């Protein structure tokens, strides 16, 4: 499952979309909107996306994760539009035979999404609006 959407999503449905009898582990990451960032209160965020390219990139990342880590399945959902505090932003779910590869694959997939997918985030605060640059995670 790859989905880029304005609508909220069900965590249970995302997990169900990959669940199979051969899996001993399903690892998920759920990103949500924080109420503060860099010392500022955040009222909401707005995510803009080049949707067609984002879907292609997410599909490529999914295939890479499955091949690289030997996991059974990967689901990725990412929202765009105006999102309030505590709302879901994105989710990645990885199903595998065992937990070590599921955890590694989930982390790798998440960081690759943040690096490669054409999404832009603006935070709305009492002080004004701020575009947020992507955060880099240094892999070991």
N, C-alpha and C. Protein backbone atom coordinates (compact mmCIF):
# COMPACT_ATOMS: atom_id res chain seq x y z
N UNK A 1 0.85 -1.18 0.00
CA UNK A 1 0.00 0.00 0.00
C UNK A 1 0.89 1.24 0.00
N UNK A 2 0.65 2.08 -0.96
CA UNK A 2 1.25 3.41 -1.01
C UNK A 2 0.09 4.37 -1.18
N UNK A 3 0.02 5.37 -0.30
CA UNK A 3 -1.07 6.35 -0.41
C UNK A 3 -0.57 7.73 -0.01
N UNK A 4 -0.90 8.72 -0.84
CA UNK A 4 -0.66 10.13 -0.55
C UNK A 4 -2.04 10.77 -0.57
N UNK A 5 -2.45 11.39 0.56
CA UNK A 5 -3.85 11.78 0.71
C UNK A 5 -4.02 13.00 1.60
N UNK A 6 -5.10 13.73 1.40
CA UNK A 6 -5.49 14.80 2.32
C UNK A 6 -6.20 14.23 3.54
N UNK A 7 -6.83 13.09 3.36
CA UNK A 7 -7.68 12.50 4.40
C UNK A 7 -6.86 11.79 5.47
N UNK A 8 -7.40 11.75 6.69
CA UNK A 8 -6.77 10.98 7.75
C UNK A 8 -6.85 9.50 7.38
N UNK A 9 -6.09 8.69 8.06
CA UNK A 9 -6.06 7.26 7.77
C UNK A 9 -6.18 6.48 9.07
N UNK A 10 -6.59 5.24 8.92
CA UNK A 10 -6.71 4.33 10.06
C UNK A 10 -5.42 3.53 10.21
N UNK A 11 -4.81 3.64 11.38
CA UNK A 11 -3.60 2.87 11.68
C UNK A 11 -3.90 1.38 11.53
N UNK A 12 -5.05 0.95 12.04
CA UNK A 12 -5.42 -0.47 11.95
C UNK A 12 -5.54 -0.93 10.50
N UNK A 13 -6.10 -0.10 9.63
CA UNK A 13 -6.23 -0.48 8.22
C UNK A 13 -4.87 -0.58 7.54
N UNK A 14 -3.96 0.31 7.88
CA UNK A 14 -2.62 0.25 7.29
C UNK A 14 -1.94 -1.05 7.72
N UNK A 15 -2.00 -1.38 8.99
CA UNK A 15 -1.40 -2.62 9.48
C UNK A 15 -2.07 -3.83 8.82
N UNK A 16 -3.39 -3.82 8.74
CA UNK A 16 -4.12 -4.95 8.14
C UNK A 16 -3.74 -5.14 6.67
N UNK A 17 -3.37 -4.05 5.99
CA UNK A 17 -3.05 -4.15 4.56
C UNK A 17 -1.78 -4.96 4.30
N UNK A 18 -0.93 -5.13 5.31
CA UNK A 18 0.30 -5.90 5.11
C UNK A 18 0.35 -7.20 5.91
N UNK A 19 -0.54 -7.37 6.85
CA UNK A 19 -0.49 -8.53 7.76
C UNK A 19 -0.60 -9.85 6.98
N UNK A 20 0.26 -10.81 7.35
CA UNK A 20 0.16 -12.15 6.77
C UNK A 20 0.63 -13.17 7.81
N UNK A 21 0.30 -14.42 7.57
CA UNK A 21 0.63 -15.48 8.51
C UNK A 21 2.11 -15.76 8.67
N UNK A 22 2.92 -15.37 7.69
CA UNK A 22 4.35 -15.62 7.76
C UNK A 22 5.12 -14.59 8.56
N UNK A 23 4.44 -13.55 8.99
CA UNK A 23 5.12 -12.47 9.71
C UNK A 23 5.19 -12.76 11.20
N UNK A 24 6.39 -12.60 11.75
CA UNK A 24 6.55 -12.68 13.19
C UNK A 24 6.65 -11.31 13.82
N UNK A 25 6.73 -10.27 12.96
CA UNK A 25 6.86 -8.91 13.47
C UNK A 25 6.26 -7.92 12.48
N UNK A 26 5.56 -6.95 13.02
CA UNK A 26 5.12 -5.78 12.26
C UNK A 26 5.57 -4.57 13.06
N UNK A 27 6.42 -3.76 12.46
CA UNK A 27 6.93 -2.55 13.11
C UNK A 27 6.32 -1.35 12.40
N UNK A 28 5.85 -0.39 13.20
CA UNK A 28 5.23 0.80 12.62
C UNK A 28 5.88 2.07 13.16
N UNK A 29 5.83 3.10 12.34
CA UNK A 29 6.16 4.45 12.78
C UNK A 29 4.97 5.31 12.40
N UNK A 30 4.47 6.09 13.35
CA UNK A 30 3.38 7.02 13.11
C UNK A 30 3.86 8.42 13.45
N UNK A 31 3.94 9.28 12.44
CA UNK A 31 4.34 10.66 12.66
C UNK A 31 3.11 11.53 12.87
N UNK A 32 3.17 12.40 13.88
CA UNK A 32 2.05 13.28 14.21
C UNK A 32 2.53 14.72 14.33
N UNK A 33 1.59 15.65 14.30
CA UNK A 33 1.91 17.08 14.41
C UNK A 33 2.18 17.43 15.87
N UNK A 34 3.36 18.01 16.13
CA UNK A 34 3.72 18.46 17.48
C UNK A 34 3.12 19.83 17.76
N UNK A 35 2.99 20.16 19.04
CA UNK A 35 2.47 21.48 19.42
C UNK A 35 3.57 22.51 19.61
N UNK A 36 4.83 22.10 19.39
CA UNK A 36 5.94 23.05 19.48
C UNK A 36 7.07 22.60 18.58
N UNK A 37 7.88 23.57 18.16
CA UNK A 37 9.02 23.28 17.31
C UNK A 37 10.04 24.39 17.46
N UNK A 38 11.28 24.02 17.76
CA UNK A 38 12.36 25.00 17.88
C UNK A 38 12.00 26.14 18.83
N UNK A 39 11.34 25.80 19.95
CA UNK A 39 11.00 26.78 20.96
C UNK A 39 9.76 27.61 20.69
N UNK A 40 9.06 27.32 19.59
CA UNK A 40 7.84 28.08 19.25
C UNK A 40 6.62 27.17 19.38
N UNK A 41 5.51 27.76 19.84
CA UNK A 41 4.25 27.03 19.82
C UNK A 41 3.81 26.86 18.38
N UNK A 42 3.24 25.71 18.07
CA UNK A 42 2.74 25.43 16.72
C UNK A 42 1.24 25.25 16.79
N UNK A 43 0.51 26.02 15.95
CA UNK A 43 -0.95 25.90 15.89
C UNK A 43 -1.36 24.80 14.91
N UNK A 44 -0.64 24.73 13.78
CA UNK A 44 -0.93 23.74 12.75
C UNK A 44 0.23 23.73 11.77
N UNK A 45 0.23 22.76 10.87
CA UNK A 45 1.21 22.74 9.80
C UNK A 45 0.47 22.60 8.47
N UNK A 46 1.16 22.97 7.42
CA UNK A 46 0.64 22.74 6.07
C UNK A 46 1.71 21.99 5.31
N UNK A 47 1.32 20.87 4.71
CA UNK A 47 2.25 20.08 3.92
C UNK A 47 1.83 20.19 2.46
N UNK A 48 2.78 20.56 1.62
CA UNK A 48 2.55 20.62 0.18
C UNK A 48 3.32 19.47 -0.45
N UNK A 49 2.80 18.97 -1.57
CA UNK A 49 3.38 17.79 -2.18
C UNK A 49 3.28 17.87 -3.70
N UNK A 50 4.27 17.34 -4.37
CA UNK A 50 4.21 17.07 -5.80
C UNK A 50 3.73 15.62 -5.85
N UNK A 51 2.40 15.44 -5.92
CA UNK A 51 1.79 14.14 -5.64
C UNK A 51 2.26 13.03 -6.58
N UNK A 52 2.26 13.28 -7.87
CA UNK A 52 2.64 12.23 -8.82
C UNK A 52 4.07 11.74 -8.55
N UNK A 53 4.98 12.68 -8.33
CA UNK A 53 6.37 12.31 -8.06
C UNK A 53 6.50 11.65 -6.69
N UNK A 54 5.75 12.13 -5.71
CA UNK A 54 5.80 11.54 -4.36
C UNK A 54 5.38 10.07 -4.40
N UNK A 55 4.32 9.77 -5.13
CA UNK A 55 3.86 8.38 -5.23
C UNK A 55 4.95 7.51 -5.87
N UNK A 56 5.57 8.00 -6.94
CA UNK A 56 6.65 7.24 -7.59
C UNK A 56 7.82 7.01 -6.64
N UNK A 57 8.20 8.05 -5.91
CA UNK A 57 9.31 7.92 -4.96
C UNK A 57 8.97 6.94 -3.84
N UNK A 58 7.74 7.03 -3.32
CA UNK A 58 7.34 6.12 -2.25
C UNK A 58 7.31 4.68 -2.73
N UNK A 59 6.85 4.46 -3.96
CA UNK A 59 6.86 3.10 -4.51
C UNK A 59 8.29 2.57 -4.63
N UNK A 60 9.19 3.42 -5.10
CA UNK A 60 10.59 3.01 -5.23
C UNK A 60 11.21 2.72 -3.86
N UNK A 61 10.89 3.54 -2.87
CA UNK A 61 11.41 3.32 -1.51
C UNK A 61 10.87 2.01 -0.96
N UNK A 62 9.58 1.75 -1.16
CA UNK A 62 8.97 0.51 -0.70
C UNK A 62 9.70 -0.70 -1.29
N UNK A 63 9.91 -0.67 -2.61
CA UNK A 63 10.59 -1.78 -3.28
C UNK A 63 12.02 -1.94 -2.77
N UNK A 64 12.72 -0.83 -2.57
CA UNK A 64 14.09 -0.86 -2.05
C UNK A 64 14.13 -1.48 -0.66
N UNK A 65 13.22 -1.09 0.21
CA UNK A 65 13.19 -1.62 1.58
C UNK A 65 12.94 -3.13 1.56
N UNK A 66 11.99 -3.57 0.75
CA UNK A 66 11.68 -5.01 0.67
C UNK A 66 12.91 -5.79 0.19
N UNK A 67 13.55 -5.29 -0.85
CA UNK A 67 14.72 -5.97 -1.41
C UNK A 67 15.92 -5.92 -0.47
N UNK A 68 16.21 -4.75 0.04
CA UNK A 68 17.41 -4.54 0.87
C UNK A 68 17.37 -5.32 2.18
N UNK A 69 16.19 -5.39 2.82
CA UNK A 69 16.09 -6.01 4.14
C UNK A 69 15.41 -7.37 4.13
N UNK A 70 14.89 -7.80 2.98
CA UNK A 70 14.24 -9.10 2.89
C UNK A 70 12.95 -9.20 3.69
N UNK A 71 12.27 -8.07 3.86
CA UNK A 71 11.01 -8.07 4.60
C UNK A 71 9.88 -8.50 3.66
N UNK A 72 8.74 -8.87 4.24
CA UNK A 72 7.63 -9.37 3.44
C UNK A 72 6.82 -8.27 2.77
N UNK A 73 6.54 -7.19 3.50
CA UNK A 73 5.71 -6.14 2.91
C UNK A 73 5.94 -4.83 3.64
N UNK A 74 5.62 -3.74 2.94
CA UNK A 74 5.76 -2.39 3.48
C UNK A 74 4.56 -1.58 3.02
N UNK A 75 3.98 -0.82 3.94
CA UNK A 75 2.90 0.12 3.61
C UNK A 75 3.35 1.51 4.04
N UNK A 76 3.08 2.50 3.18
CA UNK A 76 3.43 3.88 3.49
C UNK A 76 2.25 4.77 3.15
N UNK A 77 1.86 5.61 4.11
CA UNK A 77 0.80 6.60 3.90
C UNK A 77 1.35 7.95 4.33
N UNK A 78 1.14 8.97 3.50
CA UNK A 78 1.59 10.33 3.86
C UNK A 78 0.48 11.30 3.52
N UNK A 79 0.17 12.17 4.47
CA UNK A 79 -0.87 13.18 4.26
C UNK A 79 -0.27 14.49 3.79
N UNK A 80 -1.13 15.32 3.22
CA UNK A 80 -0.76 16.68 2.87
C UNK A 80 -1.96 17.57 3.15
N UNK A 81 -1.76 18.87 3.05
CA UNK A 81 -2.82 19.83 3.37
C UNK A 81 -2.59 20.42 4.75
N UNK A 82 -3.64 21.00 5.31
CA UNK A 82 -3.57 21.64 6.62
C UNK A 82 -3.87 20.61 7.72
N UNK A 83 -2.93 20.47 8.67
CA UNK A 83 -3.05 19.47 9.73
C UNK A 83 -2.88 20.13 11.09
N UNK A 84 -3.79 19.81 12.00
CA UNK A 84 -3.74 20.37 13.34
C UNK A 84 -2.87 19.55 14.28
N UNK A 85 -2.59 20.12 15.43
CA UNK A 85 -1.78 19.46 16.46
C UNK A 85 -2.39 18.10 16.79
N UNK A 86 -1.53 17.11 16.89
CA UNK A 86 -1.86 15.71 17.21
C UNK A 86 -2.43 14.92 16.04
N UNK A 87 -2.66 15.55 14.89
CA UNK A 87 -3.16 14.80 13.74
C UNK A 87 -2.05 13.93 13.15
N UNK A 88 -2.45 12.83 12.52
CA UNK A 88 -1.51 11.95 11.83
C UNK A 88 -0.94 12.66 10.61
N UNK A 89 0.38 12.52 10.43
CA UNK A 89 1.03 13.03 9.22
C UNK A 89 1.36 11.88 8.29
N UNK A 90 2.08 10.90 8.81
CA UNK A 90 2.49 9.79 7.97
C UNK A 90 2.66 8.53 8.78
N UNK A 91 2.66 7.40 8.05
CA UNK A 91 2.87 6.12 8.71
C UNK A 91 3.63 5.21 7.77
N UNK A 92 4.54 4.46 8.34
CA UNK A 92 5.19 3.37 7.62
C UNK A 92 5.03 2.12 8.47
N UNK A 93 4.61 1.03 7.84
CA UNK A 93 4.46 -0.26 8.52
C UNK A 93 5.27 -1.29 7.74
N UNK A 94 6.06 -2.07 8.47
CA UNK A 94 6.92 -3.07 7.85
C UNK A 94 6.63 -4.42 8.49
N UNK A 95 6.32 -5.40 7.66
CA UNK A 95 6.09 -6.75 8.14
C UNK A 95 7.22 -7.67 7.72
N UNK A 96 7.72 -8.46 8.67
CA UNK A 96 8.85 -9.34 8.39
C UNK A 96 8.75 -10.61 9.22
N UNK A 97 9.59 -11.56 8.88
CA UNK A 97 9.62 -12.80 9.64
C UNK A 97 10.08 -12.60 11.07
N UNK A 98 10.99 -11.64 11.27
CA UNK A 98 11.58 -11.42 12.59
C UNK A 98 11.74 -9.93 12.86
N UNK A 99 11.83 -9.56 14.14
CA UNK A 99 11.85 -8.15 14.52
C UNK A 99 13.10 -7.37 14.10
N UNK A 100 14.32 -7.96 14.13
CA UNK A 100 15.48 -7.12 13.80
C UNK A 100 15.38 -6.48 12.42
N UNK A 101 15.06 -7.27 11.40
CA UNK A 101 14.97 -6.69 10.06
C UNK A 101 13.77 -5.76 9.92
N UNK A 102 12.70 -6.03 10.67
CA UNK A 102 11.53 -5.14 10.61
C UNK A 102 11.88 -3.76 11.17
N UNK A 103 12.57 -3.72 12.31
CA UNK A 103 12.98 -2.43 12.89
C UNK A 103 13.95 -1.69 11.97
N UNK A 104 14.97 -2.39 11.49
CA UNK A 104 15.96 -1.74 10.62
C UNK A 104 15.31 -1.21 9.35
N UNK A 105 14.44 -2.01 8.76
CA UNK A 105 13.78 -1.61 7.51
C UNK A 105 12.87 -0.41 7.73
N UNK A 106 12.16 -0.39 8.85
CA UNK A 106 11.26 0.73 9.14
C UNK A 106 12.06 2.02 9.29
N UNK A 107 13.14 1.98 10.05
CA UNK A 107 13.97 3.18 10.24
C UNK A 107 14.58 3.66 8.92
N UNK A 108 15.11 2.72 8.15
CA UNK A 108 15.70 3.07 6.86
C UNK A 108 14.64 3.69 5.94
N UNK A 109 13.47 3.07 5.87
CA UNK A 109 12.40 3.59 5.02
C UNK A 109 12.00 4.99 5.43
N UNK A 110 11.84 5.22 6.72
CA UNK A 110 11.44 6.53 7.23
C UNK A 110 12.47 7.59 6.86
N UNK A 111 13.73 7.33 7.12
CA UNK A 111 14.77 8.32 6.84
C UNK A 111 14.90 8.57 5.34
N UNK A 112 14.71 7.55 4.53
CA UNK A 112 14.78 7.71 3.08
C UNK A 112 13.62 8.56 2.58
N UNK A 113 12.44 8.37 3.15
CA UNK A 113 11.28 9.20 2.79
C UNK A 113 11.59 10.67 3.08
N UNK A 114 12.12 10.95 4.26
CA UNK A 114 12.41 12.33 4.64
C UNK A 114 13.46 12.96 3.73
N UNK A 115 14.38 12.15 3.21
CA UNK A 115 15.44 12.66 2.34
C UNK A 115 15.00 12.85 0.89
N UNK A 116 14.11 11.98 0.38
CA UNK A 116 13.91 11.91 -1.07
C UNK A 116 12.53 12.32 -1.59
N UNK A 117 11.52 12.28 -0.76
CA UNK A 117 10.16 12.50 -1.29
C UNK A 117 9.86 14.00 -1.33
N UNK A 118 9.31 14.49 -2.46
CA UNK A 118 9.06 15.93 -2.63
C UNK A 118 7.84 16.41 -1.82
N UNK A 119 8.12 16.70 -0.55
CA UNK A 119 7.12 17.22 0.38
C UNK A 119 7.71 18.45 1.06
N UNK A 120 6.87 19.47 1.28
CA UNK A 120 7.33 20.70 1.93
C UNK A 120 6.40 21.02 3.07
N UNK A 121 7.00 21.42 4.21
CA UNK A 121 6.21 21.65 5.43
C UNK A 121 6.37 23.10 5.89
N UNK A 122 5.23 23.71 6.19
CA UNK A 122 5.22 25.06 6.76
C UNK A 122 4.51 24.99 8.11
N UNK A 123 5.14 25.59 9.13
CA UNK A 123 4.53 25.65 10.46
C UNK A 123 3.86 27.00 10.66
N UNK A 124 2.69 26.97 11.26
CA UNK A 124 1.94 28.18 11.59
C UNK A 124 1.99 28.35 13.10
N UNK A 125 2.54 29.49 13.53
CA UNK A 125 2.73 29.77 14.95
C UNK A 125 2.12 31.13 15.27
N UNK A 126 1.95 31.47 16.55
CA UNK A 126 1.48 32.81 16.90
C UNK A 126 2.41 33.92 16.38
N UNK A 127 3.70 33.59 16.18
CA UNK A 127 4.67 34.58 15.70
C UNK A 127 4.70 34.71 14.18
N UNK A 128 4.11 33.76 13.47
CA UNK A 128 4.14 33.80 12.00
C UNK A 128 4.24 32.41 11.39
N UNK A 129 4.55 32.39 10.09
CA UNK A 129 4.65 31.15 9.34
C UNK A 129 6.12 30.88 9.03
N UNK A 130 6.52 29.60 9.10
CA UNK A 130 7.91 29.23 8.88
C UNK A 130 7.99 27.96 8.03
N UNK A 131 8.74 28.03 6.92
CA UNK A 131 9.03 26.83 6.14
C UNK A 131 10.08 26.03 6.91
N UNK A 132 9.90 24.72 6.94
CA UNK A 132 10.79 23.84 7.68
C UNK A 132 11.66 23.06 6.70
N UNK A 133 12.96 23.16 6.90
CA UNK A 133 13.88 22.37 6.08
C UNK A 133 13.94 20.96 6.61
N UNK A 134 14.18 20.01 5.72
CA UNK A 134 14.26 18.61 6.11
C UNK A 134 15.35 18.37 7.13
N UNK A 135 15.08 17.47 8.05
CA UNK A 135 16.06 17.10 9.07
C UNK A 135 16.85 15.90 8.56
N UNK A 136 18.15 15.96 8.73
CA UNK A 136 19.01 14.86 8.31
C UNK A 136 19.30 13.96 9.50
N UNK A 137 19.20 12.68 9.28
CA UNK A 137 19.58 11.69 10.29
C UNK A 137 20.87 11.04 9.81
N UNK A 138 21.87 11.08 10.61
CA UNK A 138 23.15 10.47 10.24
C UNK A 138 23.10 8.98 10.55
N UNK A 139 23.20 8.18 9.51
CA UNK A 139 23.18 6.73 9.70
C UNK A 139 24.54 6.26 10.18
N UNK A 140 24.52 5.25 11.03
CA UNK A 140 25.78 4.69 11.56
C UNK A 140 26.48 3.88 10.49
